[in-house]
Amino acid sequence: MKQSSYENYIEKIVRQELNRRYEDDKDLCKCDVCYRDIMTLTLNNLPPMYVSSDVGHIMTMYHLTKDQLHTQVMVELLKAIKQVKNSPNH
């Protein structure tokens, strides 16, 4: 059986948005523990969107352009950032 390549496209978007937050928020800890905690908390509260082809990427990008989904990603990311800032695991 041929090995397939797939990814959770929501994870990619969360990672990009978190990197933007790191640029804007100099008080946000950038250690690996805090990064993983923020990513995990955010992704656990969002529906996954796995894609395995270029068509899948295009369809997902179409869906991600909808304001509601982007807003949902940002809400969960900001909640996770706040939680980690208030109670870091290090």
PDB file of N, CA and C in Angstrom:
ATOM      1  N   MET A   1       0.842  -1.174   0.000  1.00  0.00           N
ATOM      2  CA  MET A   1       0.000   0.000   0.000  1.00  0.00           C
ATOM      3  C   MET A   1       0.892   1.244   0.000  1.00  0.00           C
ATOM      4  N   LYS A   2       0.544   2.190  -0.841  1.00  0.00           N
ATOM      5  CA  LYS A   2       1.320   3.414  -0.964  1.00  0.00           C
ATOM      6  C   LYS A   2       1.100   4.310   0.257  1.00  0.00           C
ATOM      7  N   GLN A   3       2.186   4.868   0.769  1.00  0.00           N
ATOM      8  CA  GLN A   3       2.124   5.779   1.913  1.00  0.00           C
ATOM      9  C   GLN A   3       1.475   7.084   1.485  1.00  0.00           C
ATOM     10  N   SER A   4       0.458   7.513   2.203  1.00  0.00           N
ATOM     11  CA  SER A   4      -0.239   8.755   1.886  1.00  0.00           C
ATOM     12  C   SER A   4       0.322   9.905   2.704  1.00  0.00           C
ATOM     13  N   SER A   5       0.200  11.085   2.151  1.00  0.00           N
ATOM     14  CA  SER A   5       0.590  12.296   2.849  1.00  0.00           C
ATOM     15  C   SER A   5      -0.675  13.088   3.163  1.00  0.00           C
ATOM     16  N   TYR A   6      -0.811  13.487   4.394  1.00  0.00           N
ATOM     17  CA  TYR A   6      -1.975  14.270   4.785  1.00  0.00           C
ATOM     18  C   TYR A   6      -1.592  15.201   5.918  1.00  0.00           C
ATOM     19  N   GLU A   7      -2.398  16.242   6.099  1.00  0.00           N
ATOM     20  CA  GLU A   7      -2.144  17.173   7.189  1.00  0.00           C
ATOM     21  C   GLU A   7      -3.457  17.774   7.651  1.00  0.00           C
ATOM     22  N   ASN A   8      -3.458  18.209   8.905  1.00  0.00           N
ATOM     23  CA  ASN A   8      -4.592  18.918   9.470  1.00  0.00           C
ATOM     24  C   ASN A   8      -4.408  20.388   9.101  1.00  0.00           C
ATOM     25  N   TYR A   9      -5.228  20.863   8.180  1.00  0.00           N
ATOM     26  CA  TYR A   9      -5.052  22.218   7.692  1.00  0.00           C
ATOM     27  C   TYR A   9      -5.341  23.249   8.777  1.00  0.00           C
ATOM     28  N   ILE A  10      -6.210  22.928   9.713  1.00  0.00           N
ATOM     29  CA  ILE A  10      -6.479  23.842  10.834  1.00  0.00           C
ATOM     30  C   ILE A  10      -5.205  24.052  11.634  1.00  0.00           C
ATOM     31  N   GLU A  11      -4.414  22.998  11.812  1.00  0.00           N
ATOM     32  CA  GLU A  11      -3.151  23.128  12.540  1.00  0.00           C
ATOM     33  C   GLU A  11      -2.229  24.128  11.855  1.00  0.00           C
ATOM     34  N   LYS A  12      -2.190  24.075  10.544  1.00  0.00           N
ATOM     35  CA  LYS A  12      -1.354  24.999   9.780  1.00  0.00           C
ATOM     36  C   LYS A  12      -1.797  26.448  10.024  1.00  0.00           C
ATOM     37  N   ILE A  13      -3.103  26.685  10.010  1.00  0.00           N
ATOM     38  CA  ILE A  13      -3.634  28.031  10.225  1.00  0.00           C
ATOM     39  C   ILE A  13      -3.358  28.486  11.654  1.00  0.00           C
ATOM     40  N   VAL A  14      -3.549  27.611  12.628  1.00  0.00           N
ATOM     41  CA  VAL A  14      -3.284  27.966  14.026  1.00  0.00           C
ATOM     42  C   VAL A  14      -1.806  28.316  14.200  1.00  0.00           C
ATOM     43  N   ARG A  15      -0.937  27.525  13.610  1.00  0.00           N
ATOM     44  CA  ARG A  15       0.506  27.781  13.700  1.00  0.00           C
ATOM     45  C   ARG A  15       0.854  29.153  13.120  1.00  0.00           C
ATOM     46  N   GLN A  16       0.275  29.492  11.969  1.00  0.00           N
ATOM     47  CA  GLN A  16       0.531  30.791  11.350  1.00  0.00           C
ATOM     48  C   GLN A  16       0.034  31.935  12.237  1.00  0.00           C
ATOM     49  N   GLU A  17      -1.157  31.777  12.770  1.00  0.00           N
ATOM     50  CA  GLU A  17      -1.722  32.829  13.625  1.00  0.00           C
ATOM     51  C   GLU A  17      -0.937  32.967  14.929  1.00  0.00           C
ATOM     52  N   LEU A  18      -0.491  31.849  15.483  1.00  0.00           N
ATOM     53  CA  LEU A  18       0.313  31.909  16.709  1.00  0.00           C
ATOM     54  C   LEU A  18       1.633  32.622  16.433  1.00  0.00           C
ATOM     55  N   ASN A  19       2.235  32.352  15.310  1.00  0.00           N
ATOM     56  CA  ASN A  19       3.476  33.052  14.957  1.00  0.00           C
ATOM     57  C   ASN A  19       3.245  34.553  14.832  1.00  0.00           C
ATOM     58  N   ARG A  20       2.089  34.951  14.318  1.00  0.00           N
ATOM     59  CA  ARG A  20       1.752  36.382  14.251  1.00  0.00           C
ATOM     60  C   ARG A  20       1.594  36.968  15.656  1.00  0.00           C
ATOM     61  N   ARG A  21       0.990  36.207  16.540  1.00  0.00           N
ATOM     62  CA  ARG A  21       0.818  36.670  17.926  1.00  0.00           C
ATOM     63  C   ARG A  21       2.177  36.858  18.591  1.00  0.00           C
ATOM     64  N   TYR A  22       3.110  35.949  18.308  1.00  0.00           N
ATOM     65  CA  TYR A  22       4.459  36.083  18.873  1.00  0.00           C
ATOM     66  C   TYR A  22       5.117  37.383  18.417  1.00  0.00           C
ATOM     67  N   GLU A  23       4.867  37.784  17.186  1.00  0.00           N
ATOM     68  CA  GLU A  23       5.428  39.040  16.688  1.00  0.00           C
ATOM     69  C   GLU A  23       4.792  40.246  17.380  1.00  0.00           C
ATOM     70  N   ASP A  24       3.495  40.159  17.664  1.00  0.00           N
ATOM     71  CA  ASP A  24       2.760  41.286  18.235  1.00  0.00           C
ATOM     72  C   ASP A  24       2.842  41.369  19.760  1.00  0.00           C
ATOM     73  N   ASP A  25       2.995  40.230  20.421  1.00  0.00           N
ATOM     74  CA  ASP A  25       2.945  40.180  21.885  1.00  0.00           C
ATOM     75  C   ASP A  25       4.310  39.778  22.434  1.00  0.00           C
ATOM     76  N   LYS A  26       5.094  40.754  22.791  1.00  0.00           N
ATOM     77  CA  LYS A  26       6.460  40.486  23.265  1.00  0.00           C
ATOM     78  C   LYS A  26       6.481  39.829  24.643  1.00  0.00           C
ATOM     79  N   ASP A  27       5.358  39.881  25.377  1.00  0.00           N
ATOM     80  CA  ASP A  27       5.281  39.264  26.701  1.00  0.00           C
ATOM     81  C   ASP A  27       4.911  37.785  26.652  1.00  0.00           C
ATOM     82  N   LEU A  28       4.584  37.289  25.480  1.00  0.00           N
ATOM     83  CA  LEU A  28       4.198  35.884  25.331  1.00  0.00           C
ATOM     84  C   LEU A  28       5.441  35.003  25.309  1.00  0.00           C
ATOM     85  N   CYS A  29       5.504  34.063  26.247  1.00  0.00           N
ATOM     86  CA  CYS A  29       6.668  33.170  26.348  1.00  0.00           C
ATOM     87  C   CYS A  29       6.790  32.328  25.080  1.00  0.00           C
ATOM     88  N   LYS A  30       7.996  32.243  24.561  1.00  0.00           N
ATOM     89  CA  LYS A  30       8.241  31.526  23.318  1.00  0.00           C
ATOM     90  C   LYS A  30       8.936  30.180  23.523  1.00  0.00           C
ATOM     91  N   CYS A  31       8.958  29.695  24.757  1.00  0.00           N
ATOM     92  CA  CYS A  31       9.606  28.403  25.006  1.00  0.00           C
ATOM     93  C   CYS A  31       8.780  27.271  24.375  1.00  0.00           C
ATOM     94  N   ASP A  32       9.409  26.124  24.192  1.00  0.00           N
ATOM     95  CA  ASP A  32       8.747  24.979  23.571  1.00  0.00           C
ATOM     96  C   ASP A  32       7.532  24.510  24.359  1.00  0.00           C
ATOM     97  N   VAL A  33       7.619  24.553  25.681  1.00  0.00           N
ATOM     98  CA  VAL A  33       6.509  24.081  26.523  1.00  0.00           C
ATOM     99  C   VAL A  33       5.273  24.958  26.308  1.00  0.00           C
ATOM    100  N   CYS A  34       5.440  26.261  26.368  1.00  0.00           N
ATOM    101  CA  CYS A  34       4.312  27.171  26.179  1.00  0.00           C
ATOM    102  C   CYS A  34       3.770  27.072  24.753  1.00  0.00           C
ATOM    103  N   TYR A  35       4.648  26.970  23.781  1.00  0.00           N
ATOM    104  CA  TYR A  35       4.218  26.837  22.389  1.00  0.00           C
ATOM    105  C   TYR A  35       3.352  25.593  22.217  1.00  0.00           C
ATOM    106  N   ARG A  36       3.841  24.458  22.723  1.00  0.00           N
ATOM    107  CA  ARG A  36       3.075  23.211  22.602  1.00  0.00           C
ATOM    108  C   ARG A  36       1.763  23.290  23.361  1.00  0.00           C
ATOM    109  N   ASP A  37       1.770  23.902  24.535  1.00  0.00           N
ATOM    110  CA  ASP A  37       0.539  24.032  25.312  1.00  0.00           C
ATOM    111  C   ASP A  37      -0.497  24.871  24.576  1.00  0.00           C
ATOM    112  N   ILE A  38      -0.072  25.984  24.008  1.00  0.00           N
ATOM    113  CA  ILE A  38      -0.998  26.842  23.261  1.00  0.00           C
ATOM    114  C   ILE A  38      -1.549  26.097  22.043  1.00  0.00           C
ATOM    115  N   MET A  39      -0.677  25.437  21.305  1.00  0.00           N
ATOM    116  CA  MET A  39      -1.128  24.691  20.126  1.00  0.00           C
ATOM    117  C   MET A  39      -2.110  23.596  20.524  1.00  0.00           C
ATOM    118  N   THR A  40      -1.786  22.840  21.558  1.00  0.00           N
ATOM    119  CA  THR A  40      -2.626  21.724  21.988  1.00  0.00           C
ATOM    120  C   THR A  40      -3.986  22.210  22.476  1.00  0.00           C
ATOM    121  N   LEU A  41      -3.983  23.224  23.325  1.00  0.00           N
ATOM    122  CA  LEU A  41      -5.254  23.756  23.832  1.00  0.00           C
ATOM    123  C   LEU A  41      -6.121  24.272  22.684  1.00  0.00           C
ATOM    124  N   THR A  42      -5.518  24.962  21.759  1.00  0.00           N
ATOM    125  CA  THR A  42      -6.274  25.511  20.631  1.00  0.00           C
ATOM    126  C   THR A  42      -6.832  24.402  19.755  1.00  0.00           C
ATOM    127  N   LEU A  43      -5.973  23.470  19.343  1.00  0.00           N
ATOM    128  CA  LEU A  43      -6.406  22.420  18.421  1.00  0.00           C
ATOM    129  C   LEU A  43      -7.437  21.484  19.037  1.00  0.00           C
ATOM    130  N   ASN A  44      -7.371  21.266  20.341  1.00  0.00           N
ATOM    131  CA  ASN A  44      -8.352  20.400  20.991  1.00  0.00           C
ATOM    132  C   ASN A  44      -9.747  21.014  20.998  1.00  0.00           C
ATOM    133  N   ASN A  45      -9.849  22.306  20.763  1.00  0.00           N
ATOM    134  CA  ASN A  45     -11.144  22.975  20.763  1.00  0.00           C
ATOM    135  C   ASN A  45     -11.620  23.376  19.367  1.00  0.00           C
ATOM    136  N   LEU A  46     -10.960  22.860  18.354  1.00  0.00           N
ATOM    137  CA  LEU A  46     -11.339  23.139  16.967  1.00  0.00           C
ATOM    138  C   LEU A  46     -11.554  21.832  16.209  1.00  0.00           C
ATOM    139  N   PRO A  47     -12.455  21.846  15.227  1.00  0.00           N
ATOM    140  CA  PRO A  47     -12.634  20.636  14.430  1.00  0.00           C
ATOM    141  C   PRO A  47     -11.451  20.451  13.480  1.00  0.00           C
ATOM    142  N   PRO A  48     -10.926  19.229  13.361  1.00  0.00           N
ATOM    143  CA  PRO A  48      -9.828  19.014  12.424  1.00  0.00           C
ATOM    144  C   PRO A  48     -10.320  19.096  10.985  1.00  0.00           C
ATOM    145  N   MET A  49      -9.419  19.476  10.094  1.00  0.00           N
ATOM    146  CA  MET A  49      -9.708  19.500   8.649  1.00  0.00           C
ATOM    147  C   MET A  49      -8.518  18.882   7.940  1.00  0.00           C
ATOM    148  N   TYR A  50      -8.532  17.574   7.809  1.00  0.00           N
ATOM    149  CA  TYR A  50      -7.430  16.886   7.156  1.00  0.00           C
ATOM    150  C   TYR A  50      -7.588  16.948   5.651  1.00  0.00           C
ATOM    151  N   VAL A  51      -6.474  17.182   4.978  1.00  0.00           N
ATOM    152  CA  VAL A  51      -6.444  17.181   3.517  1.00  0.00           C
ATOM    153  C   VAL A  51      -5.299  16.284   3.064  1.00  0.00           C
ATOM    154  N   SER A  52      -5.486  15.700   1.893  1.00  0.00           N
ATOM    155  CA  SER A  52      -4.450  14.796   1.382  1.00  0.00           C
ATOM    156  C   SER A  52      -4.093  15.071  -0.070  1.00  0.00           C
ATOM    157  N   SER A  53      -4.646  16.140  -0.640  1.00  0.00           N
ATOM    158  CA  SER A  53      -4.362  16.430  -2.042  1.00  0.00           C
ATOM    159  C   SER A  53      -4.406  17.935  -2.263  1.00  0.00           C
ATOM    160  N   ASP A  54      -3.947  18.345  -3.426  1.00  0.00           N
ATOM    161  CA  ASP A  54      -4.011  19.765  -3.788  1.00  0.00           C
ATOM    162  C   ASP A  54      -5.451  20.246  -3.844  1.00  0.00           C
ATOM    163  N   VAL A  55      -6.354  19.408  -4.337  1.00  0.00           N
ATOM    164  CA  VAL A  55      -7.768  19.769  -4.387  1.00  0.00           C
ATOM    165  C   VAL A  55      -8.293  19.972  -2.966  1.00  0.00           C
ATOM    166  N   GLY A  56      -7.870  19.105  -2.068  1.00  0.00           N
ATOM    167  CA  GLY A  56      -8.264  19.243  -0.670  1.00  0.00           C
ATOM    168  C   GLY A  56      -7.782  20.552  -0.081  1.00  0.00           C
ATOM    169  N   HIS A  57      -6.556  20.943  -0.412  1.00  0.00           N
ATOM    170  CA  HIS A  57      -6.019  22.220   0.064  1.00  0.00           C
ATOM    171  C   HIS A  57      -6.843  23.384  -0.473  1.00  0.00           C
ATOM    172  N   ILE A  58      -7.195  23.314  -1.745  1.00  0.00           N
ATOM    173  CA  ILE A  58      -7.974  24.386  -2.360  1.00  0.00           C
ATOM    174  C   ILE A  58      -9.358  24.487  -1.713  1.00  0.00           C
ATOM    175  N   MET A  59      -9.996  23.364  -1.507  1.00  0.00           N
ATOM    176  CA  MET A  59     -11.325  23.372  -0.884  1.00  0.00           C
ATOM    177  C   MET A  59     -11.237  23.880   0.557  1.00  0.00           C
ATOM    178  N   THR A  60     -10.216  23.473   1.265  1.00  0.00           N
ATOM    179  CA  THR A  60     -10.056  23.929   2.647  1.00  0.00           C
ATOM    180  C   THR A  60      -9.790  25.428   2.683  1.00  0.00           C
ATOM    181  N   MET A  61      -8.948  25.914   1.793  1.00  0.00           N
ATOM    182  CA  MET A  61      -8.691  27.351   1.726  1.00  0.00           C
ATOM    183  C   MET A  61      -9.984  28.109   1.454  1.00  0.00           C
ATOM    184  N   TYR A  62     -10.823  27.555   0.598  1.00  0.00           N
ATOM    185  CA  TYR A  62     -12.116  28.185   0.314  1.00  0.00           C
ATOM    186  C   TYR A  62     -12.929  28.284   1.595  1.00  0.00           C
ATOM    187  N   HIS A  63     -12.980  27.196   2.347  1.00  0.00           N
ATOM    188  CA  HIS A  63     -13.748  27.197   3.588  1.00  0.00           C
ATOM    189  C   HIS A  63     -13.117  28.111   4.638  1.00  0.00           C
ATOM    190  N   LEU A  64     -11.805  28.186   4.663  1.00  0.00           N
ATOM    191  CA  LEU A  64     -11.130  29.017   5.655  1.00  0.00           C
ATOM    192  C   LEU A  64     -11.288  30.506   5.373  1.00  0.00           C
ATOM    193  N   THR A  65     -11.667  30.857   4.152  1.00  0.00           N
ATOM    194  CA  THR A  65     -11.877  32.268   3.867  1.00  0.00           C
ATOM    195  C   THR A  65     -13.166  32.767   4.500  1.00  0.00           C
ATOM    196  N   LYS A  66     -13.992  31.879   4.926  1.00  0.00           N
ATOM    197  CA  LYS A  66     -15.232  32.285   5.579  1.00  0.00           C
ATOM    198  C   LYS A  66     -14.891  32.861   6.953  1.00  0.00           C
ATOM    199  N   ASP A  67     -15.451  34.006   7.227  1.00  0.00           N
ATOM    200  CA  ASP A  67     -15.149  34.728   8.456  1.00  0.00           C
ATOM    201  C   ASP A  67     -15.440  33.921   9.717  1.00  0.00           C
ATOM    202  N   GLN A  68     -16.493  33.138   9.701  1.00  0.00           N
ATOM    203  CA  GLN A  68     -16.882  32.401  10.899  1.00  0.00           C
ATOM    204  C   GLN A  68     -15.795  31.422  11.334  1.00  0.00           C
ATOM    205  N   LEU A  69     -15.229  30.683  10.398  1.00  0.00           N
ATOM    206  CA  LEU A  69     -14.198  29.712  10.751  1.00  0.00           C
ATOM    207  C   LEU A  69     -12.936  30.421  11.235  1.00  0.00           C
ATOM    208  N   HIS A  70     -12.538  31.484  10.552  1.00  0.00           N
ATOM    209  CA  HIS A  70     -11.351  32.225  10.977  1.00  0.00           C
ATOM    210  C   HIS A  70     -11.569  32.814  12.366  1.00  0.00           C
ATOM    211  N   THR A  71     -12.763  33.312  12.617  1.00  0.00           N
ATOM    212  CA  THR A  71     -13.086  33.858  13.935  1.00  0.00           C
ATOM    213  C   THR A  71     -13.005  32.776  14.995  1.00  0.00           C
ATOM    214  N   GLN A  72     -13.496  31.595  14.682  1.00  0.00           N
ATOM    215  CA  GLN A  72     -13.449  30.472  15.622  1.00  0.00           C
ATOM    216  C   GLN A  72     -11.999  30.119  15.958  1.00  0.00           C
ATOM    217  N   VAL A  73     -11.143  30.086  14.948  1.00  0.00           N
ATOM    218  CA  VAL A  73      -9.721  29.806  15.172  1.00  0.00           C
ATOM    219  C   VAL A  73      -9.119  30.864  16.092  1.00  0.00           C
ATOM    220  N   MET A  74      -9.397  32.128  15.811  1.00  0.00           N
ATOM    221  CA  MET A  74      -8.818  33.212  16.606  1.00  0.00           C
ATOM    222  C   MET A  74      -9.335  33.201  18.045  1.00  0.00           C
ATOM    223  N   VAL A  75     -10.616  32.935  18.228  1.00  0.00           N
ATOM    224  CA  VAL A  75     -11.177  32.886  19.583  1.00  0.00           C
ATOM    225  C   VAL A  75     -10.482  31.800  20.398  1.00  0.00           C
ATOM    226  N   GLU A  76     -10.358  30.609  19.833  1.00  0.00           N
ATOM    227  CA  GLU A  76      -9.743  29.501  20.566  1.00  0.00           C
ATOM    228  C   GLU A  76      -8.260  29.758  20.810  1.00  0.00           C
ATOM    229  N   LEU A  77      -7.576  30.351  19.845  1.00  0.00           N
ATOM    230  CA  LEU A  77      -6.161  30.666  20.012  1.00  0.00           C
ATOM    231  C   LEU A  77      -5.967  31.692  21.124  1.00  0.00           C
ATOM    232  N   LEU A  78      -6.752  32.735  21.124  1.00  0.00           N
ATOM    233  CA  LEU A  78      -6.603  33.769  22.151  1.00  0.00           C
ATOM    234  C   LEU A  78      -6.965  33.245  23.538  1.00  0.00           C
ATOM    235  N   LYS A  79      -7.952  32.356  23.618  1.00  0.00           N
ATOM    236  CA  LYS A  79      -8.276  31.735  24.913  1.00  0.00           C
ATOM    237  C   LYS A  79      -7.097  30.894  25.407  1.00  0.00           C
ATOM    238  N   ALA A  80      -6.479  30.140  24.518  1.00  0.00           N
ATOM    239  CA  ALA A  80      -5.338  29.308  24.899  1.00  0.00           C
ATOM    240  C   ALA A  80      -4.154  30.168  25.326  1.00  0.00           C
ATOM    241  N   ILE A  81      -3.894  31.241  24.603  1.00  0.00           N
ATOM    242  CA  ILE A  81      -2.794  32.138  24.963  1.00  0.00           C
ATOM    243  C   ILE A  81      -3.033  32.713  26.357  1.00  0.00           C
ATOM    244  N   LYS A  82      -4.237  33.153  26.607  1.00  0.00           N
ATOM    245  CA  LYS A  82      -4.555  33.716  27.929  1.00  0.00           C
ATOM    246  C   LYS A  82      -4.348  32.684  29.037  1.00  0.00           C
ATOM    247  N   GLN A  83      -4.814  31.464  28.787  1.00  0.00           N
ATOM    248  CA  GLN A  83      -4.675  30.406  29.785  1.00  0.00           C
ATOM    249  C   GLN A  83      -3.220  30.094  30.073  1.00  0.00           C
ATOM    250  N   VAL A  84      -2.415  29.988  29.040  1.00  0.00           N
ATOM    251  CA  VAL A  84      -0.992  29.682  29.219  1.00  0.00           C
ATOM    252  C   VAL A  84      -0.262  30.846  29.879  1.00  0.00           C
ATOM    253  N   LYS A  85      -0.604  32.065  29.523  1.00  0.00           N
ATOM    254  CA  LYS A  85       0.024  33.233  30.157  1.00  0.00           C
ATOM    255  C   LYS A  85      -0.286  33.271  31.646  1.00  0.00           C
ATOM    256  N   ASN A  86      -1.551  32.951  31.991  1.00  0.00           N
ATOM    257  CA  ASN A  86      -1.967  33.001  33.385  1.00  0.00           C
ATOM    258  C   ASN A  86      -1.447  31.833  34.218  1.00  0.00           C
ATOM    259  N   SER A  87      -1.132  30.728  33.553  1.00  0.00           N
ATOM    260  CA  SER A  87      -0.706  29.537  34.285  1.00  0.00           C
ATOM    261  C   SER A  87       0.287  28.720  33.449  1.00  0.00           C
ATOM    262  N   PRO A  88       1.506  29.248  33.224  1.00  0.00           N
ATOM    263  CA  PRO A  88       2.470  28.494  32.420  1.00  0.00           C
ATOM    264  C   PRO A  88       2.938  27.229  33.138  1.00  0.00           C
ATOM    265  N   ASN A  89       3.326  26.227  32.365  1.00  0.00           N
ATOM    266  CA  ASN A  89       3.773  24.939  32.915  1.00  0.00           C
ATOM    267  C   ASN A  89       5.273  24.864  33.119  1.00  0.00           C
ATOM    268  N   HIS A  90       5.907  25.994  33.348  1.00  0.00           N
ATOM    269  CA  HIS A  90       7.345  25.975  33.627  1.00  0.00           C
ATOM    270  C   HIS A  90       7.698  26.896  34.760  1.00  0.00           C
TER     271      HIS A  90
END
